[in-house]
C-alpha atoms as a PDB file:
ATOM      1  CA  MET A   1       0.711   0.800 -28.203  1.00  0.00           C
ATOM      2  CA  ASN A   2       1.164  -0.926 -24.736  1.00  0.00           C
ATOM      3  CA  ARG A   3       4.922  -0.478 -25.203  1.00  0.00           C
ATOM      4  CA  GLN A   4       4.614   3.283 -26.147  1.00  0.00           C
ATOM      5  CA  ARG A   5       2.286   3.764 -23.065  1.00  0.00           C
ATOM      6  CA  ASN A   6       4.854   2.058 -20.858  1.00  0.00           C
ATOM      7  CA  LYS A   7       7.659   4.158 -22.092  1.00  0.00           C
ATOM      8  CA  LEU A   8       5.588   7.235 -21.539  1.00  0.00           C
ATOM      9  CA  ARG A   9       4.934   6.242 -18.154  1.00  0.00           C
ATOM     10  CA  ILE A  10       8.556   5.712 -17.539  1.00  0.00           C
ATOM     11  CA  MET A  11       9.410   9.139 -18.891  1.00  0.00           C
ATOM     12  CA  LEU A  12       6.840  10.813 -16.789  1.00  0.00           C
ATOM     13  CA  LYS A  13       7.935   9.172 -13.666  1.00  0.00           C
ATOM     14  CA  ILE A  14      11.453  10.200 -14.218  1.00  0.00           C
ATOM     15  CA  ALA A  15      10.291  13.795 -14.935  1.00  0.00           C
ATOM     16  CA  ILE A  16       8.213  13.916 -11.875  1.00  0.00           C
ATOM     17  CA  PHE A  17      11.185  12.854  -9.564  1.00  0.00           C
ATOM     18  CA  ALA A  18      13.358  15.399 -11.493  1.00  0.00           C
ATOM     19  CA  ALA A  19      10.922  17.980 -10.610  1.00  0.00           C
ATOM     20  CA  LEU A  20      10.534  16.887  -6.850  1.00  0.00           C
ATOM     21  CA  THR A  21      14.259  17.262  -6.679  1.00  0.00           C
ATOM     22  CA  ALA A  22      14.205  20.751  -8.015  1.00  0.00           C
ATOM     23  CA  ILE A  23      11.429  21.653  -5.528  1.00  0.00           C
ATOM     24  CA  LEU A  24      13.204  20.189  -2.638  1.00  0.00           C
ATOM     25  CA  ALA A  25      16.381  21.787  -3.581  1.00  0.00           C
ATOM     26  CA  GLN A  26      14.893  25.143  -2.668  1.00  0.00           C
ATOM     27  CA  VAL A  27      14.451  24.020   0.895  1.00  0.00           C
ATOM     28  CA  GLU A  28      17.689  24.762   2.447  1.00  0.00           C
ATOM     29  CA  ILE A  29      19.777  25.746   5.546  1.00  0.00           C
ATOM     30  CA  PRO A  30      22.619  28.084   4.530  1.00  0.00           C
ATOM     31  CA  LEU A  31      26.081  27.138   5.649  1.00  0.00           C
ATOM     32  CA  PRO A  32      29.412  28.812   4.730  1.00  0.00           C
ATOM     33  CA  LEU A  33      30.583  26.536   1.727  1.00  0.00           C
ATOM     34  CA  ILE A  34      27.788  23.992   0.976  1.00  0.00           C
ATOM     35  CA  PRO A  35      24.094  24.382   2.171  1.00  0.00           C
ATOM     36  CA  ILE A  36      21.989  21.639   3.568  1.00  0.00           C
ATOM     37  CA  SER A  37      19.173  21.237   1.207  1.00  0.00           C
ATOM     38  CA  GLY A  38      16.226  18.924   0.361  1.00  0.00           C
ATOM     39  CA  GLN A  39      17.982  17.555  -2.688  1.00  0.00           C
ATOM     40  CA  THR A  40      19.413  14.418  -0.979  1.00  0.00           C
ATOM     41  CA  LEU A  41      15.969  13.697   0.493  1.00  0.00           C
ATOM     42  CA  ALA A  42      14.530  13.704  -3.020  1.00  0.00           C
ATOM     43  CA  VAL A  43      17.267  11.565  -4.253  1.00  0.00           C
ATOM     44  CA  GLY A  44      16.528   8.991  -1.665  1.00  0.00           C
ATOM     45  CA  ILE A  45      12.715   9.032  -2.306  1.00  0.00           C
ATOM     46  CA  ALA A  46      13.317   8.759  -6.137  1.00  0.00           C
ATOM     47  CA  ALA A  47      15.687   5.658  -5.531  1.00  0.00           C
ATOM     48  CA  THR A  48      13.390   4.084  -2.993  1.00  0.00           C
ATOM     49  CA  ILE A  49      10.241   4.371  -5.262  1.00  0.00           C
ATOM     50  CA  LEU A  50      11.884   3.959  -8.813  1.00  0.00           C
ATOM     51  CA  GLY A  51      14.717   1.844  -8.212  1.00  0.00           C
ATOM     52  CA  SER A  52      18.327   2.195  -9.563  1.00  0.00           C
ATOM     53  CA  ARG A  53      17.882   2.801 -13.222  1.00  0.00           C
ATOM     54  CA  GLN A  54      14.964   5.175 -13.346  1.00  0.00           C
ATOM     55  CA  GLY A  55      16.126   6.732 -10.023  1.00  0.00           C
ATOM     56  CA  ALA A  56      19.482   7.652 -11.700  1.00  0.00           C
ATOM     57  CA  LEU A  57      17.790   8.734 -14.773  1.00  0.00           C
ATOM     58  CA  ALA A  58      15.790  11.127 -12.759  1.00  0.00           C
ATOM     59  CA  MET A  59      18.931  12.544 -11.367  1.00  0.00           C
ATOM     60  CA  VAL A  60      20.500  12.924 -14.838  1.00  0.00           C
ATOM     61  CA  LEU A  61      17.485  14.799 -15.959  1.00  0.00           C
ATOM     62  CA  TYR A  62      17.585  17.052 -12.851  1.00  0.00           C
ATOM     63  CA  MET A  63      21.299  17.764 -13.484  1.00  0.00           C
ATOM     64  CA  ALA A  64      20.750  18.371 -17.080  1.00  0.00           C
ATOM     65  CA  ILE A  65      17.928  20.929 -16.634  1.00  0.00           C
ATOM     66  CA  GLY A  66      20.180  22.760 -14.180  1.00  0.00           C
ATOM     67  CA  ALA A  67      23.125  22.446 -16.437  1.00  0.00           C
ATOM     68  CA  VAL A  68      21.373  24.363 -19.213  1.00  0.00           C
ATOM     69  CA  GLY A  69      20.784  27.098 -16.823  1.00  0.00           C
ATOM     70  CA  LEU A  70      17.219  26.668 -15.188  1.00  0.00           C
ATOM     71  CA  PRO A  71      17.372  27.562 -11.566  1.00  0.00           C
ATOM     72  CA  VAL A  72      16.716  24.161 -10.100  1.00  0.00           C
ATOM     73  CA  PHE A  73      19.685  23.632  -7.890  1.00  0.00           C
ATOM     74  CA  ALA A  74      19.873  24.863  -4.319  1.00  0.00           C
ATOM     75  CA  GLY A  75      19.194  28.492  -3.855  1.00  0.00           C
ATOM     76  CA  PHE A  76      17.621  28.829  -7.250  1.00  0.00           C
ATOM     77  CA  SER A  77      20.826  28.470  -9.089  1.00  0.00           C
ATOM     78  CA  GLY A  78      21.580  26.848 -12.277  1.00  0.00           C
ATOM     79  CA  GLY A  79      24.150  26.769 -15.133  1.00  0.00           C
ATOM     80  CA  PRO A  80      27.353  24.752 -15.807  1.00  0.00           C
ATOM     81  CA  GLN A  81      29.240  26.984 -13.345  1.00  0.00           C
ATOM     82  CA  VAL A  82      27.491  25.197 -10.447  1.00  0.00           C
ATOM     83  CA  LEU A  83      28.394  21.747 -11.668  1.00  0.00           C
ATOM     84  CA  VAL A  84      32.093  22.821 -11.780  1.00  0.00           C
ATOM     85  CA  GLY A  85      31.960  24.701  -8.591  1.00  0.00           C
ATOM     86  CA  PRO A  86      32.361  23.622  -4.867  1.00  0.00           C
ATOM     87  CA  SER A  87      28.920  21.955  -4.758  1.00  0.00           C
ATOM     88  CA  GLY A  88      28.997  20.308  -8.133  1.00  0.00           C
ATOM     89  CA  GLY A  89      30.401  16.950  -6.936  1.00  0.00           C
ATOM     90  CA  TYR A  90      27.274  16.568  -4.745  1.00  0.00           C
ATOM     91  CA  ILE A  91      24.918  16.912  -7.789  1.00  0.00           C
ATOM     92  CA  PHE A  92      27.154  14.474  -9.848  1.00  0.00           C
ATOM     93  CA  GLY A  93      26.999  12.166  -6.575  1.00  0.00           C
ATOM     94  CA  PHE A  94      23.266  12.205  -6.807  1.00  0.00           C
ATOM     95  CA  ILE A  95      23.131  10.069  -9.814  1.00  0.00           C
ATOM     96  CA  ALA A  96      25.502   7.402  -8.407  1.00  0.00           C
ATOM     97  CA  ALA A  97      23.690   7.657  -5.111  1.00  0.00           C
ATOM     98  CA  ALA A  98      20.266   7.009  -6.678  1.00  0.00           C
ATOM     99  CA  TYR A  99      21.615   4.212  -8.731  1.00  0.00           C
ATOM    100  CA  PHE A 100      23.315   2.555  -5.794  1.00  0.00           C
ATOM    101  CA  THR A 101      20.492   3.045  -3.351  1.00  0.00           C
ATOM    102  CA  GLY A 102      18.050   1.633  -5.851  1.00  0.00           C
ATOM    103  CA  LEU A 103      20.290  -1.188  -6.735  1.00  0.00           C
ATOM    104  CA  ILE A 104      20.634  -2.331  -3.089  1.00  0.00           C
ATOM    105  CA  LEU A 105      16.899  -2.350  -2.751  1.00  0.00           C
ATOM    106  CA  GLU A 106      16.586  -4.348  -5.961  1.00  0.00           C
ATOM    107  CA  LYS A 107      19.046  -7.000  -4.839  1.00  0.00           C
ATOM    108  CA  THR A 108      17.451  -7.333  -1.309  1.00  0.00           C
ATOM    109  CA  ARG A 109      13.975  -6.220  -0.622  1.00  0.00           C
ATOM    110  CA  PHE A 110      11.907  -3.058  -0.640  1.00  0.00           C
ATOM    111  CA  THR A 111      11.288  -2.650   3.052  1.00  0.00           C
ATOM    112  CA  ILE A 112      11.828   0.317   5.312  1.00  0.00           C
ATOM    113  CA  GLN A 113      14.628  -1.376   7.164  1.00  0.00           C
ATOM    114  CA  MET A 114      16.466  -2.195   3.865  1.00  0.00           C
ATOM    115  CA  ALA A 115      15.684   1.321   2.620  1.00  0.00           C
ATOM    116  CA  VAL A 116      17.221   2.870   5.533  1.00  0.00           C
ATOM    117  CA  ILE A 117      20.529   0.987   5.050  1.00  0.00           C
ATOM    118  CA  ALA A 118      20.462   1.716   1.339  1.00  0.00           C
ATOM    119  CA  ASN A 119      19.731   5.397   1.746  1.00  0.00           C
ATOM    120  CA  ILE A 120      22.511   5.749   4.407  1.00  0.00           C
ATOM    121  CA  MET A 121      24.948   4.113   1.996  1.00  0.00           C
ATOM    122  CA  GLY A 122      23.654   6.411  -0.766  1.00  0.00           C
ATOM    123  CA  MET A 123      24.264   9.441   1.467  1.00  0.00           C
ATOM    124  CA  PHE A 124      27.847   8.461   1.828  1.00  0.00           C
ATOM    125  CA  VAL A 125      28.096   8.041  -1.935  1.00  0.00           C
ATOM    126  CA  THR A 126      26.920  11.687  -2.368  1.00  0.00           C
ATOM    127  CA  LEU A 127      29.227  12.905   0.291  1.00  0.00           C
ATOM    128  CA  ILE A 128      32.303  11.086  -1.410  1.00  0.00           C
ATOM    129  CA  PHE A 129      31.607  12.795  -4.626  1.00  0.00           C
ATOM    130  CA  GLY A 130      30.829  16.068  -3.176  1.00  0.00           C
ATOM    131  CA  THR A 131      33.940  16.182  -0.814  1.00  0.00           C
ATOM    132  CA  ILE A 132      36.351  15.131  -3.713  1.00  0.00           C
ATOM    133  CA  GLN A 133      35.204  18.079  -5.917  1.00  0.00           C
ATOM    134  CA  LEU A 134      35.087  20.381  -2.943  1.00  0.00           C
ATOM    135  CA  LYS A 135      38.685  19.605  -2.158  1.00  0.00           C
ATOM    136  CA  LEU A 136      39.852  19.849  -5.854  1.00  0.00           C
ATOM    137  CA  VAL A 137      37.913  23.054  -6.672  1.00  0.00           C
ATOM    138  CA  LEU A 138      38.882  24.939  -3.459  1.00  0.00           C
ATOM    139  CA  ASP A 139      42.350  23.312  -3.113  1.00  0.00           C
ATOM    140  CA  LEU A 140      41.723  22.249   0.429  1.00  0.00           C
ATOM    141  CA  GLY A 141      43.303  19.465   2.535  1.00  0.00           C
ATOM    142  CA  TRP A 142      41.429  16.364   3.398  1.00  0.00           C
ATOM    143  CA  SER A 143      40.768  17.417   6.940  1.00  0.00           C
ATOM    144  CA  ALA A 144      39.240  20.808   5.698  1.00  0.00           C
ATOM    145  CA  SER A 145      37.313  19.047   2.956  1.00  0.00           C
ATOM    146  CA  LEU A 146      35.798  16.739   5.389  1.00  0.00           C
ATOM    147  CA  ALA A 147      35.168  19.519   7.930  1.00  0.00           C
ATOM    148  CA  ALA A 148      33.389  21.593   5.298  1.00  0.00           C
ATOM    149  CA  GLY A 149      31.875  18.761   3.167  1.00  0.00           C
ATOM    150  CA  VAL A 150      31.102  15.787   5.313  1.00  0.00           C
ATOM    151  CA  TYR A 151      30.696  16.329   8.941  1.00  0.00           C
ATOM    152  CA  PRO A 152      28.064  19.195   8.883  1.00  0.00           C
ATOM    153  CA  PHE A 153      25.753  16.954   6.866  1.00  0.00           C
ATOM    154  CA  LEU A 154      25.915  13.625   8.776  1.00  0.00           C
ATOM    155  CA  VAL A 155      23.205  14.157  11.396  1.00  0.00           C
ATOM    156  CA  VAL A 156      20.752  15.761   8.776  1.00  0.00           C
ATOM    157  CA  GLY A 157      21.701  13.057   6.325  1.00  0.00           C
ATOM    158  CA  PHE A 158      20.783  10.170   8.628  1.00  0.00           C
ATOM    159  CA  ILE A 159      17.404  12.000   9.400  1.00  0.00           C
ATOM    160  CA  LYS A 160      16.878  12.392   5.586  1.00  0.00           C
ATOM    161  CA  ALA A 161      17.841   8.769   4.884  1.00  0.00           C
ATOM    162  CA  PHE A 162      15.148   7.760   7.500  1.00  0.00           C
ATOM    163  CA  LEU A 163      12.497  10.074   6.029  1.00  0.00           C
ATOM    164  CA  ALA A 164      13.289   9.025   2.363  1.00  0.00           C
ATOM    165  CA  SER A 165      12.957   5.381   3.252  1.00  0.00           C
ATOM    166  CA  TRP A 166       9.759   5.780   5.180  1.00  0.00           C
ATOM    167  CA  ILE A 167       8.133   8.115   2.619  1.00  0.00           C
ATOM    168  CA  GLY A 168       9.522   6.096  -0.292  1.00  0.00           C
ATOM    169  CA  ILE A 169       8.433   2.652   0.688  1.00  0.00           C
ATOM    170  CA  ILE A 170       4.987   3.769   1.789  1.00  0.00           C
ATOM    171  CA  VAL A 171       4.427   5.633  -1.505  1.00  0.00           C
ATOM    172  CA  ARG A 172       6.004   2.851  -3.597  1.00  0.00           C
ATOM    173  CA  ARG A 173       3.541   0.256  -2.009  1.00  0.00           C
ATOM    174  CA  ARG A 174       0.601   2.579  -2.783  1.00  0.00           C
ATOM    175  CA  LEU A 175       1.756   3.047  -6.351  1.00  0.00           C
ATOM    176  CA  ILE A 176       2.099  -0.612  -6.751  1.00  0.00           C
ATOM    177  CA  GLN A 177      -1.370  -1.130  -5.368  1.00  0.00           C
ATOM    178  CA  ALA A 178      -2.781   1.450  -7.633  1.00  0.00           C
ATOM    179  CA  LYS A 179      -0.814  -0.206 -10.636  1.00  0.00           C
ATOM    180  CA  LEU A 180       1.143   2.967 -11.304  1.00  0.00           C
ATOM    181  CA  LEU A 181       4.559   1.209 -10.951  1.00  0.00           C
ATOM    182  CA  GLY A 182       5.283  -1.162 -13.900  1.00  0.00           C
ATOM    183  CA  ASP A 183       5.887  -4.918 -13.900  1.00  0.00           C
ATOM    184  CA  MET A 184       9.621  -4.208 -13.917  1.00  0.00           C
ATOM    185  CA  GLN A 185       9.665  -3.252 -10.262  1.00  0.00           C
ATOM    186  CA  LYS A 186      10.168  -5.850  -7.681  1.00  0.00           C
ATOM    187  CA  GLU A 187       6.989  -6.447  -5.647  1.00  0.00           C
ATOM    188  CA  VAL A 188       6.894  -5.482  -1.971  1.00  0.00           C
ATOM    189  CA  ALA A 189       6.410  -8.238   0.473  1.00  0.00           C
END
């Protein structure tokens, strides 16, 4: 019974963070090719709270829900065409970024300082995935791809990395205190 309850808790946490990502995706600043949205903030928060595996699974669930057509991606969009379009690489990058960010924290410590470093590195993972697909889909050169897919997102990305770290660590500590994060999670110092 305890094992089933634990599995259910994990599934609920993953679903909650997939839903949070869908909600924050609708907070956006339109740009010509790729909008700035709250998705990456949600990715960072999920990875900081849940760690590598569950954070990545939350992003897999988010992507799957959008892939079947539910309007959970930025601008209330959804469907496989989004995943193969100019912004699809960023969505694939969310999975890798969540895993990488969470892994850094699991291998070091769940502190705000380490979370900022991990989230900044995760931001670059997302930008790499996104820029590569942007380049391929739109047949752009590297300079144009970087100008459209990286540079506009750097300042806001650093701000979101800090916010995700601060929010994530505080919420994570509270969830551990409330015994809502399982034993698999590394304790906060």
